[in-house]
Amino acid sequence: MPPLNMAAAISLNLSDPDDCKAEVQIAGILQGLVNGSASPAAAARDIDKIIVDGCQQEAPNPSGWQKYLWDCLGKSAMVVPSNHPGQDSLISLLEELQRLPRHEVPEQVGDEVFQKELWTLTPENKYEGLEQWLWELDQGTFTATRQVEDSQTSAISYANFSAFLARLLASEVAEATRLSALIRPSPFATGNPLTSAAYTDVSEAARHYEPWACAAAQWILHAVDVLYEMCDKETIVEIGKQKWTLALWNGWRSRFETVATTEQFSSAARELASAALKKMAEAEKKGVVTNVVDKFGFMSLKE
């Protein structure tokens, strides 16, 4: 991946010509947030006010407004570089929204109007649809055949998005681990760095594997302590799905070691893999220092 110009202003391009005034305002707030001209706390207050005001009108739909914000956040995360402070600002915005004084707004469902509390993201309410909407964005953006492998733009967007999802987990705001590049069906988990049924040439196999390895590294770089806890505690997020174990953890290390030491991978990919290995070693030395298993209500086979 090419070096990133951290000083350049980021353009999120969230607005469409037919957007309403409130949508344009929210997009503008996010633009200022990732570029450092608005604080997460101020952005949270401003976005909340826009949505509360919008829900005082006919046919109030706060769930629709939240969905619009989740869409903007996910798309922003694809644009903001993985190592840019704007990524942390997006996470801080979600934290600040939850710190606002509890308040309700009207929501119309059919012919009835109910009161809905805003910004309460919990596993029980499925994070108000945040995780599901991020899944839909992922599926609609990165699942075309070989898209991430053949398009550098898509590969960079996927790495950025992965960094955001990892930060989301590490901050304990929400979990979207089913989207992790570390586990199946990601080619990082299902494939081999240097051999492939589709690509017999080592260099070609490495080229197609590299984007997935770079995205997987983002999870380690930004959520390593949480991931180590999940693996150490033999965690199951959902029955019938991926079990997080130390064997899985060791498999990641083996793959990153191959990427870090093989010349067929780019220098940027080798550096990311080396950084991930360093983070993993540090996490192993510290031991378990987080408690997301309880926070998110995961199942631990060791307890």
Protein backbone atom coordinates (compact mmCIF):
# COMPACT_ATOMS: atom_id res chain seq x y z
CA MET A 1 0.00 0.00 0.00
CA PRO A 2 1.33 3.49 -0.79
CA PRO A 3 2.41 5.84 1.99
CA LEU A 4 -0.35 8.04 3.35
CA ASN A 5 -0.17 11.85 3.46
CA MET A 6 -1.32 12.48 6.99
CA ALA A 7 -1.35 16.27 6.52
CA ALA A 8 -3.78 16.30 3.60
CA ALA A 9 -7.41 17.07 4.37
CA ILE A 10 -9.67 14.07 3.91
CA SER A 11 -12.75 14.40 1.72
CA LEU A 12 -15.43 11.91 2.76
CA ASN A 13 -17.80 12.67 -0.15
CA LEU A 14 -20.82 11.62 1.89
CA SER A 15 -23.38 14.03 0.44
CA ASP A 16 -25.54 13.50 -2.63
CA PRO A 17 -27.28 16.31 -4.55
CA ASP A 18 -30.71 15.13 -3.42
CA ASP A 19 -29.83 14.95 0.29
CA CYS A 20 -31.98 16.95 2.68
CA LYS A 21 -30.55 19.79 4.76
CA ALA A 22 -30.14 17.65 7.87
CA GLU A 23 -28.26 14.95 5.96
CA VAL A 24 -25.90 17.55 4.50
CA GLN A 25 -25.33 18.96 7.98
CA ILE A 26 -24.47 15.55 9.44
CA ALA A 27 -22.09 14.82 6.57
CA GLY A 28 -20.41 18.16 7.16
CA ILE A 29 -20.00 17.47 10.87
CA LEU A 30 -18.32 14.15 10.13
CA GLN A 31 -16.07 15.86 7.61
CA GLY A 32 -14.92 18.30 10.26
CA LEU A 33 -14.57 15.54 12.82
CA VAL A 34 -12.12 13.39 10.86
CA ASN A 35 -10.08 16.44 9.87
CA GLY A 36 -9.78 17.68 13.44
CA SER A 37 -11.83 20.87 13.20
CA ALA A 38 -14.61 19.48 15.40
CA SER A 39 -14.23 17.55 18.65
CA PRO A 40 -16.06 14.24 19.11
CA ALA A 41 -18.07 15.73 22.00
CA ALA A 42 -19.18 18.73 19.95
CA ALA A 43 -19.96 16.54 16.95
CA ALA A 44 -22.07 14.25 19.14
CA ARG A 45 -24.09 17.16 20.53
CA ASP A 46 -24.64 18.66 17.08
CA ILE A 47 -25.67 15.39 15.45
CA ASP A 48 -27.99 14.57 18.33
CA LYS A 49 -29.68 17.97 18.06
CA ILE A 50 -30.22 17.56 14.31
CA ILE A 51 -31.84 14.17 14.81
CA VAL A 52 -33.93 15.25 17.81
CA ASP A 53 -35.19 18.28 15.88
CA GLY A 54 -35.97 16.07 12.89
CA CYS A 55 -38.05 13.78 15.07
CA GLN A 56 -40.33 16.63 16.15
CA GLN A 57 -41.77 16.75 12.64
CA GLU A 58 -44.43 14.62 10.97
CA ALA A 59 -43.76 10.85 10.82
CA PRO A 60 -40.71 10.85 13.14
CA ASN A 61 -38.21 8.11 12.31
CA PRO A 62 -35.21 8.13 14.68
CA SER A 63 -34.28 4.58 13.69
CA GLY A 64 -33.94 5.78 10.12
CA TRP A 65 -31.72 8.63 11.24
CA GLN A 66 -29.52 6.27 13.22
CA LYS A 67 -29.24 4.02 10.19
CA TYR A 68 -28.19 7.03 8.12
CA LEU A 69 -25.49 7.85 10.68
CA TRP A 70 -24.25 4.24 10.76
CA ASP A 71 -24.03 4.33 6.96
CA CYS A 72 -22.02 7.55 7.07
CA LEU A 73 -19.69 6.18 9.74
CA GLY A 74 -19.02 2.98 7.82
CA LYS A 75 -18.36 4.81 4.57
CA SER A 76 -16.15 7.32 6.36
CA ALA A 77 -14.13 4.49 7.89
CA MET A 78 -13.37 3.18 4.41
CA VAL A 79 -11.94 6.56 3.39
CA VAL A 80 -10.01 7.58 6.52
CA PRO A 81 -6.55 5.91 6.47
CA SER A 82 -6.09 3.10 8.95
CA ASN A 83 -3.40 4.98 10.90
CA HIS A 84 -5.06 8.42 10.76
CA PRO A 85 -6.33 10.06 13.99
CA GLY A 86 -9.66 10.57 12.24
CA GLN A 87 -10.30 6.86 12.77
CA ASP A 88 -10.07 7.33 16.53
CA SER A 89 -12.36 10.35 16.25
CA LEU A 90 -15.07 8.23 14.62
CA ILE A 91 -14.93 5.81 17.55
CA SER A 92 -14.88 8.67 20.05
CA LEU A 93 -18.02 10.08 18.43
CA LEU A 94 -19.88 6.85 19.21
CA GLU A 95 -18.59 6.98 22.78
CA GLU A 96 -19.66 10.61 23.19
CA LEU A 97 -23.14 9.91 21.81
CA GLN A 98 -23.58 7.30 24.54
CA ARG A 99 -22.40 9.78 27.18
CA LEU A 100 -25.15 12.27 26.35
CA PRO A 101 -27.90 12.60 28.97
CA ARG A 102 -30.52 9.93 28.40
CA HIS A 103 -33.39 11.23 26.30
CA GLU A 104 -36.24 9.95 24.18
CA VAL A 105 -37.75 11.02 20.89
CA PRO A 106 -41.02 10.06 19.23
CA GLU A 107 -40.96 7.27 16.65
CA GLN A 108 -43.90 6.45 14.41
CA VAL A 109 -44.53 2.79 13.63
CA GLY A 110 -47.57 2.37 11.46
CA ASP A 111 -50.32 4.52 12.93
CA GLU A 112 -48.84 4.54 16.42
CA VAL A 113 -46.20 6.77 17.96
CA PHE A 114 -43.82 5.40 20.57
CA GLN A 115 -40.97 6.92 22.56
CA LYS A 116 -37.50 5.72 21.63
CA GLU A 117 -34.33 6.27 23.65
CA LEU A 118 -31.37 7.35 21.56
CA TRP A 119 -27.75 6.17 21.64
CA THR A 120 -28.07 3.13 23.88
CA LEU A 121 -25.84 0.58 22.16
CA THR A 122 -25.88 -2.81 23.88
CA PRO A 123 -25.56 -6.46 22.84
CA GLU A 124 -29.20 -6.90 23.89
CA ASN A 125 -30.49 -4.34 21.36
CA LYS A 126 -27.88 -5.42 18.80
CA TYR A 127 -26.16 -2.04 19.04
CA GLU A 128 -29.22 -0.33 17.54
CA GLY A 129 -28.51 -1.95 14.18
CA LEU A 130 -24.92 -0.65 13.95
CA GLU A 131 -23.27 -4.06 13.55
CA GLN A 132 -25.87 -5.25 11.03
CA TRP A 133 -25.47 -2.12 8.93
CA LEU A 134 -21.68 -2.46 8.95
CA TRP A 135 -22.15 -6.05 7.78
CA GLU A 136 -24.37 -4.87 4.93
CA LEU A 137 -21.78 -2.27 3.92
CA ASP A 138 -19.08 -4.93 3.98
CA GLN A 139 -21.13 -7.33 1.89
CA GLY A 140 -22.09 -4.66 -0.60
CA THR A 141 -18.59 -3.25 -0.99
CA PHE A 142 -15.98 -5.98 -0.67
CA THR A 143 -17.47 -9.33 -1.67
CA ALA A 144 -17.35 -9.12 -5.47
CA THR A 145 -15.07 -11.78 -6.98
CA ARG A 146 -11.40 -10.85 -6.45
CA GLN A 147 -12.38 -7.20 -5.91
CA VAL A 148 -10.10 -6.68 -2.92
CA GLU A 149 -7.31 -8.62 -4.63
CA ASP A 150 -7.41 -6.85 -7.99
CA SER A 151 -8.22 -3.26 -7.01
CA GLN A 152 -5.70 -1.31 -4.95
CA THR A 153 -8.42 1.20 -4.08
CA SER A 154 -10.64 -1.58 -2.73
CA ALA A 155 -7.72 -3.14 -0.85
CA ILE A 156 -6.94 0.14 0.90
CA SER A 157 -10.61 0.76 1.71
CA TYR A 158 -10.89 -2.74 3.14
CA ALA A 159 -7.82 -2.24 5.34
CA ASN A 160 -9.20 1.09 6.56
CA PHE A 161 -12.59 -0.47 7.29
CA SER A 162 -10.89 -3.34 9.13
CA ALA A 163 -8.98 -0.88 11.30
CA PHE A 164 -12.27 0.81 12.24
CA LEU A 165 -13.95 -2.49 13.12
CA ALA A 166 -10.97 -3.46 15.26
CA ARG A 167 -11.07 -0.13 17.08
CA LEU A 168 -14.81 -0.60 17.60
CA LEU A 169 -14.09 -3.89 19.36
CA ALA A 170 -11.12 -2.62 21.37
CA SER A 171 -13.10 0.39 22.62
CA GLU A 172 -15.92 -1.96 23.71
CA VAL A 173 -18.46 0.16 21.84
CA ALA A 174 -19.72 -2.72 19.70
CA GLU A 175 -18.45 -5.96 18.23
CA ALA A 176 -18.46 -6.96 14.59
CA THR A 177 -16.06 -9.88 14.76
CA ARG A 178 -17.93 -11.86 12.11
CA LEU A 179 -16.47 -9.32 9.66
CA SER A 180 -12.89 -9.89 10.84
CA ALA A 181 -10.29 -10.53 8.15
CA LEU A 182 -8.64 -12.90 10.63
CA ILE A 183 -11.30 -15.61 10.42
CA ARG A 184 -13.27 -17.58 7.86
CA PRO A 185 -14.40 -16.88 5.21
CA SER A 186 -11.54 -14.39 4.81
CA PRO A 187 -8.86 -15.72 2.43
CA PHE A 188 -6.31 -14.80 5.10
CA ALA A 189 -7.77 -17.59 7.22
CA THR A 190 -8.74 -20.06 4.52
CA GLY A 191 -5.76 -19.68 2.19
CA ASN A 192 -2.01 -20.07 2.26
CA PRO A 193 0.30 -17.08 1.77
CA LEU A 194 2.39 -18.71 -0.96
CA THR A 195 0.35 -21.53 -2.47
CA SER A 196 -3.03 -21.47 -4.15
CA ALA A 197 -5.07 -23.78 -6.35
CA ALA A 198 -5.88 -20.77 -8.52
CA TYR A 199 -2.35 -19.31 -8.65
CA THR A 200 0.49 -21.80 -9.00
CA ASP A 201 3.15 -19.09 -9.25
CA VAL A 202 4.41 -18.09 -5.81
CA SER A 203 4.58 -14.38 -6.64
CA GLU A 204 1.05 -14.41 -8.04
CA ALA A 205 -0.29 -16.29 -5.01
CA ALA A 206 1.39 -13.77 -2.70
CA ARG A 207 -0.04 -10.83 -4.64
CA HIS A 208 -3.58 -12.12 -4.23
CA TYR A 209 -3.06 -12.98 -0.55
CA GLU A 210 -1.44 -9.67 0.41
CA PRO A 211 -4.57 -7.45 0.70
CA TRP A 212 -6.19 -9.92 3.08
CA ALA A 213 -3.03 -10.13 5.18
CA CYS A 214 -2.83 -6.33 5.38
CA ALA A 215 -6.45 -6.13 6.53
CA ALA A 216 -5.93 -8.93 9.05
CA ALA A 217 -2.93 -7.07 10.45
CA GLN A 218 -5.15 -4.08 11.19
CA TRP A 219 -7.17 -6.20 13.62
CA ILE A 220 -4.00 -7.15 15.46
CA LEU A 221 -2.60 -3.62 15.48
CA HIS A 222 -5.77 -2.06 16.90
CA ALA A 223 -7.39 -4.81 18.99
CA VAL A 224 -4.64 -7.25 19.96
CA ASP A 225 -5.37 -7.34 23.71
CA VAL A 226 -9.04 -8.09 23.16
CA LEU A 227 -8.26 -10.73 20.54
CA TYR A 228 -5.76 -12.40 22.85
CA GLU A 229 -8.37 -12.51 25.62
CA MET A 230 -10.92 -14.06 23.27
CA CYS A 231 -8.46 -16.73 22.16
CA ASP A 232 -7.13 -17.45 25.64
CA LYS A 233 -10.65 -17.89 27.01
CA GLU A 234 -11.73 -20.11 24.08
CA THR A 235 -14.53 -17.75 23.19
CA ILE A 236 -17.64 -18.42 21.16
CA VAL A 237 -19.43 -15.30 19.96
CA GLU A 238 -22.31 -17.19 18.36
CA ILE A 239 -23.21 -20.87 18.59
CA GLY A 240 -22.17 -22.71 15.45
CA LYS A 241 -19.73 -20.01 14.41
CA GLN A 242 -15.99 -19.43 14.80
CA LYS A 243 -14.41 -20.56 18.06
CA TRP A 244 -11.59 -18.23 19.11
CA THR A 245 -8.71 -20.30 20.52
CA LEU A 246 -4.96 -20.11 21.03
CA ALA A 247 -4.62 -22.54 18.13
CA LEU A 248 -6.32 -19.92 15.97
CA TRP A 249 -4.00 -17.26 17.42
CA ASN A 250 -0.95 -19.39 16.59
CA GLY A 251 -2.24 -19.84 13.06
CA TRP A 252 -2.32 -16.07 12.62
CA ARG A 253 1.25 -15.84 13.86
CA SER A 254 2.40 -18.47 11.38
CA ARG A 255 0.78 -16.63 8.49
CA PHE A 256 2.19 -13.27 9.54
CA GLU A 257 5.66 -14.82 9.90
CA THR A 258 5.47 -16.03 6.30
CA VAL A 259 4.37 -12.62 5.04
CA ALA A 260 7.00 -10.79 7.11
CA THR A 261 9.90 -12.89 5.82
CA THR A 262 9.02 -13.54 2.18
CA GLU A 263 10.31 -11.24 -0.54
CA GLN A 264 7.32 -11.92 -2.79
CA PHE A 265 5.30 -9.62 -0.53
CA SER A 266 5.66 -5.85 -0.75
CA SER A 267 7.78 -4.03 1.81
CA ALA A 268 4.62 -2.38 3.18
CA ALA A 269 2.96 -5.77 3.72
CA ARG A 270 6.10 -7.19 5.35
CA GLU A 271 6.26 -4.19 7.70
CA LEU A 272 2.60 -4.59 8.67
CA ALA A 273 3.07 -8.30 9.33
CA SER A 274 6.18 -7.59 11.42
CA ALA A 275 4.29 -4.96 13.42
CA ALA A 276 1.45 -7.44 13.99
CA LEU A 277 3.91 -10.08 15.22
CA LYS A 278 5.42 -7.59 17.65
CA LYS A 279 1.96 -6.72 19.00
CA MET A 280 1.14 -10.40 19.41
CA ALA A 281 4.34 -11.03 21.34
CA GLU A 282 3.59 -8.08 23.62
CA ALA A 283 0.06 -9.35 24.27
CA GLU A 284 1.34 -12.82 25.14
CA LYS A 285 3.84 -11.33 27.58
CA LYS A 286 1.17 -9.22 29.32
CA GLY A 287 -1.43 -11.95 29.45
CA VAL A 288 -5.16 -11.22 29.59
CA VAL A 289 -5.75 -7.58 30.51
CA THR A 290 -9.27 -7.01 29.11
CA ASN A 291 -12.72 -8.44 29.82
CA VAL A 292 -14.77 -8.22 26.64
CA VAL A 293 -16.13 -11.72 27.16
CA ASP A 294 -18.27 -10.38 29.99
CA LYS A 295 -18.81 -6.97 28.38
CA PHE A 296 -20.34 -8.44 25.23
CA GLY A 297 -21.83 -11.55 26.79
CA PHE A 298 -19.64 -14.01 24.87
CA MET A 299 -19.42 -17.67 25.88
CA SER A 300 -16.10 -18.88 27.29
CA LEU A 301 -15.36 -22.60 27.22
CA LYS A 302 -12.77 -22.13 29.98
CA GLU A 303 -15.25 -20.81 32.53
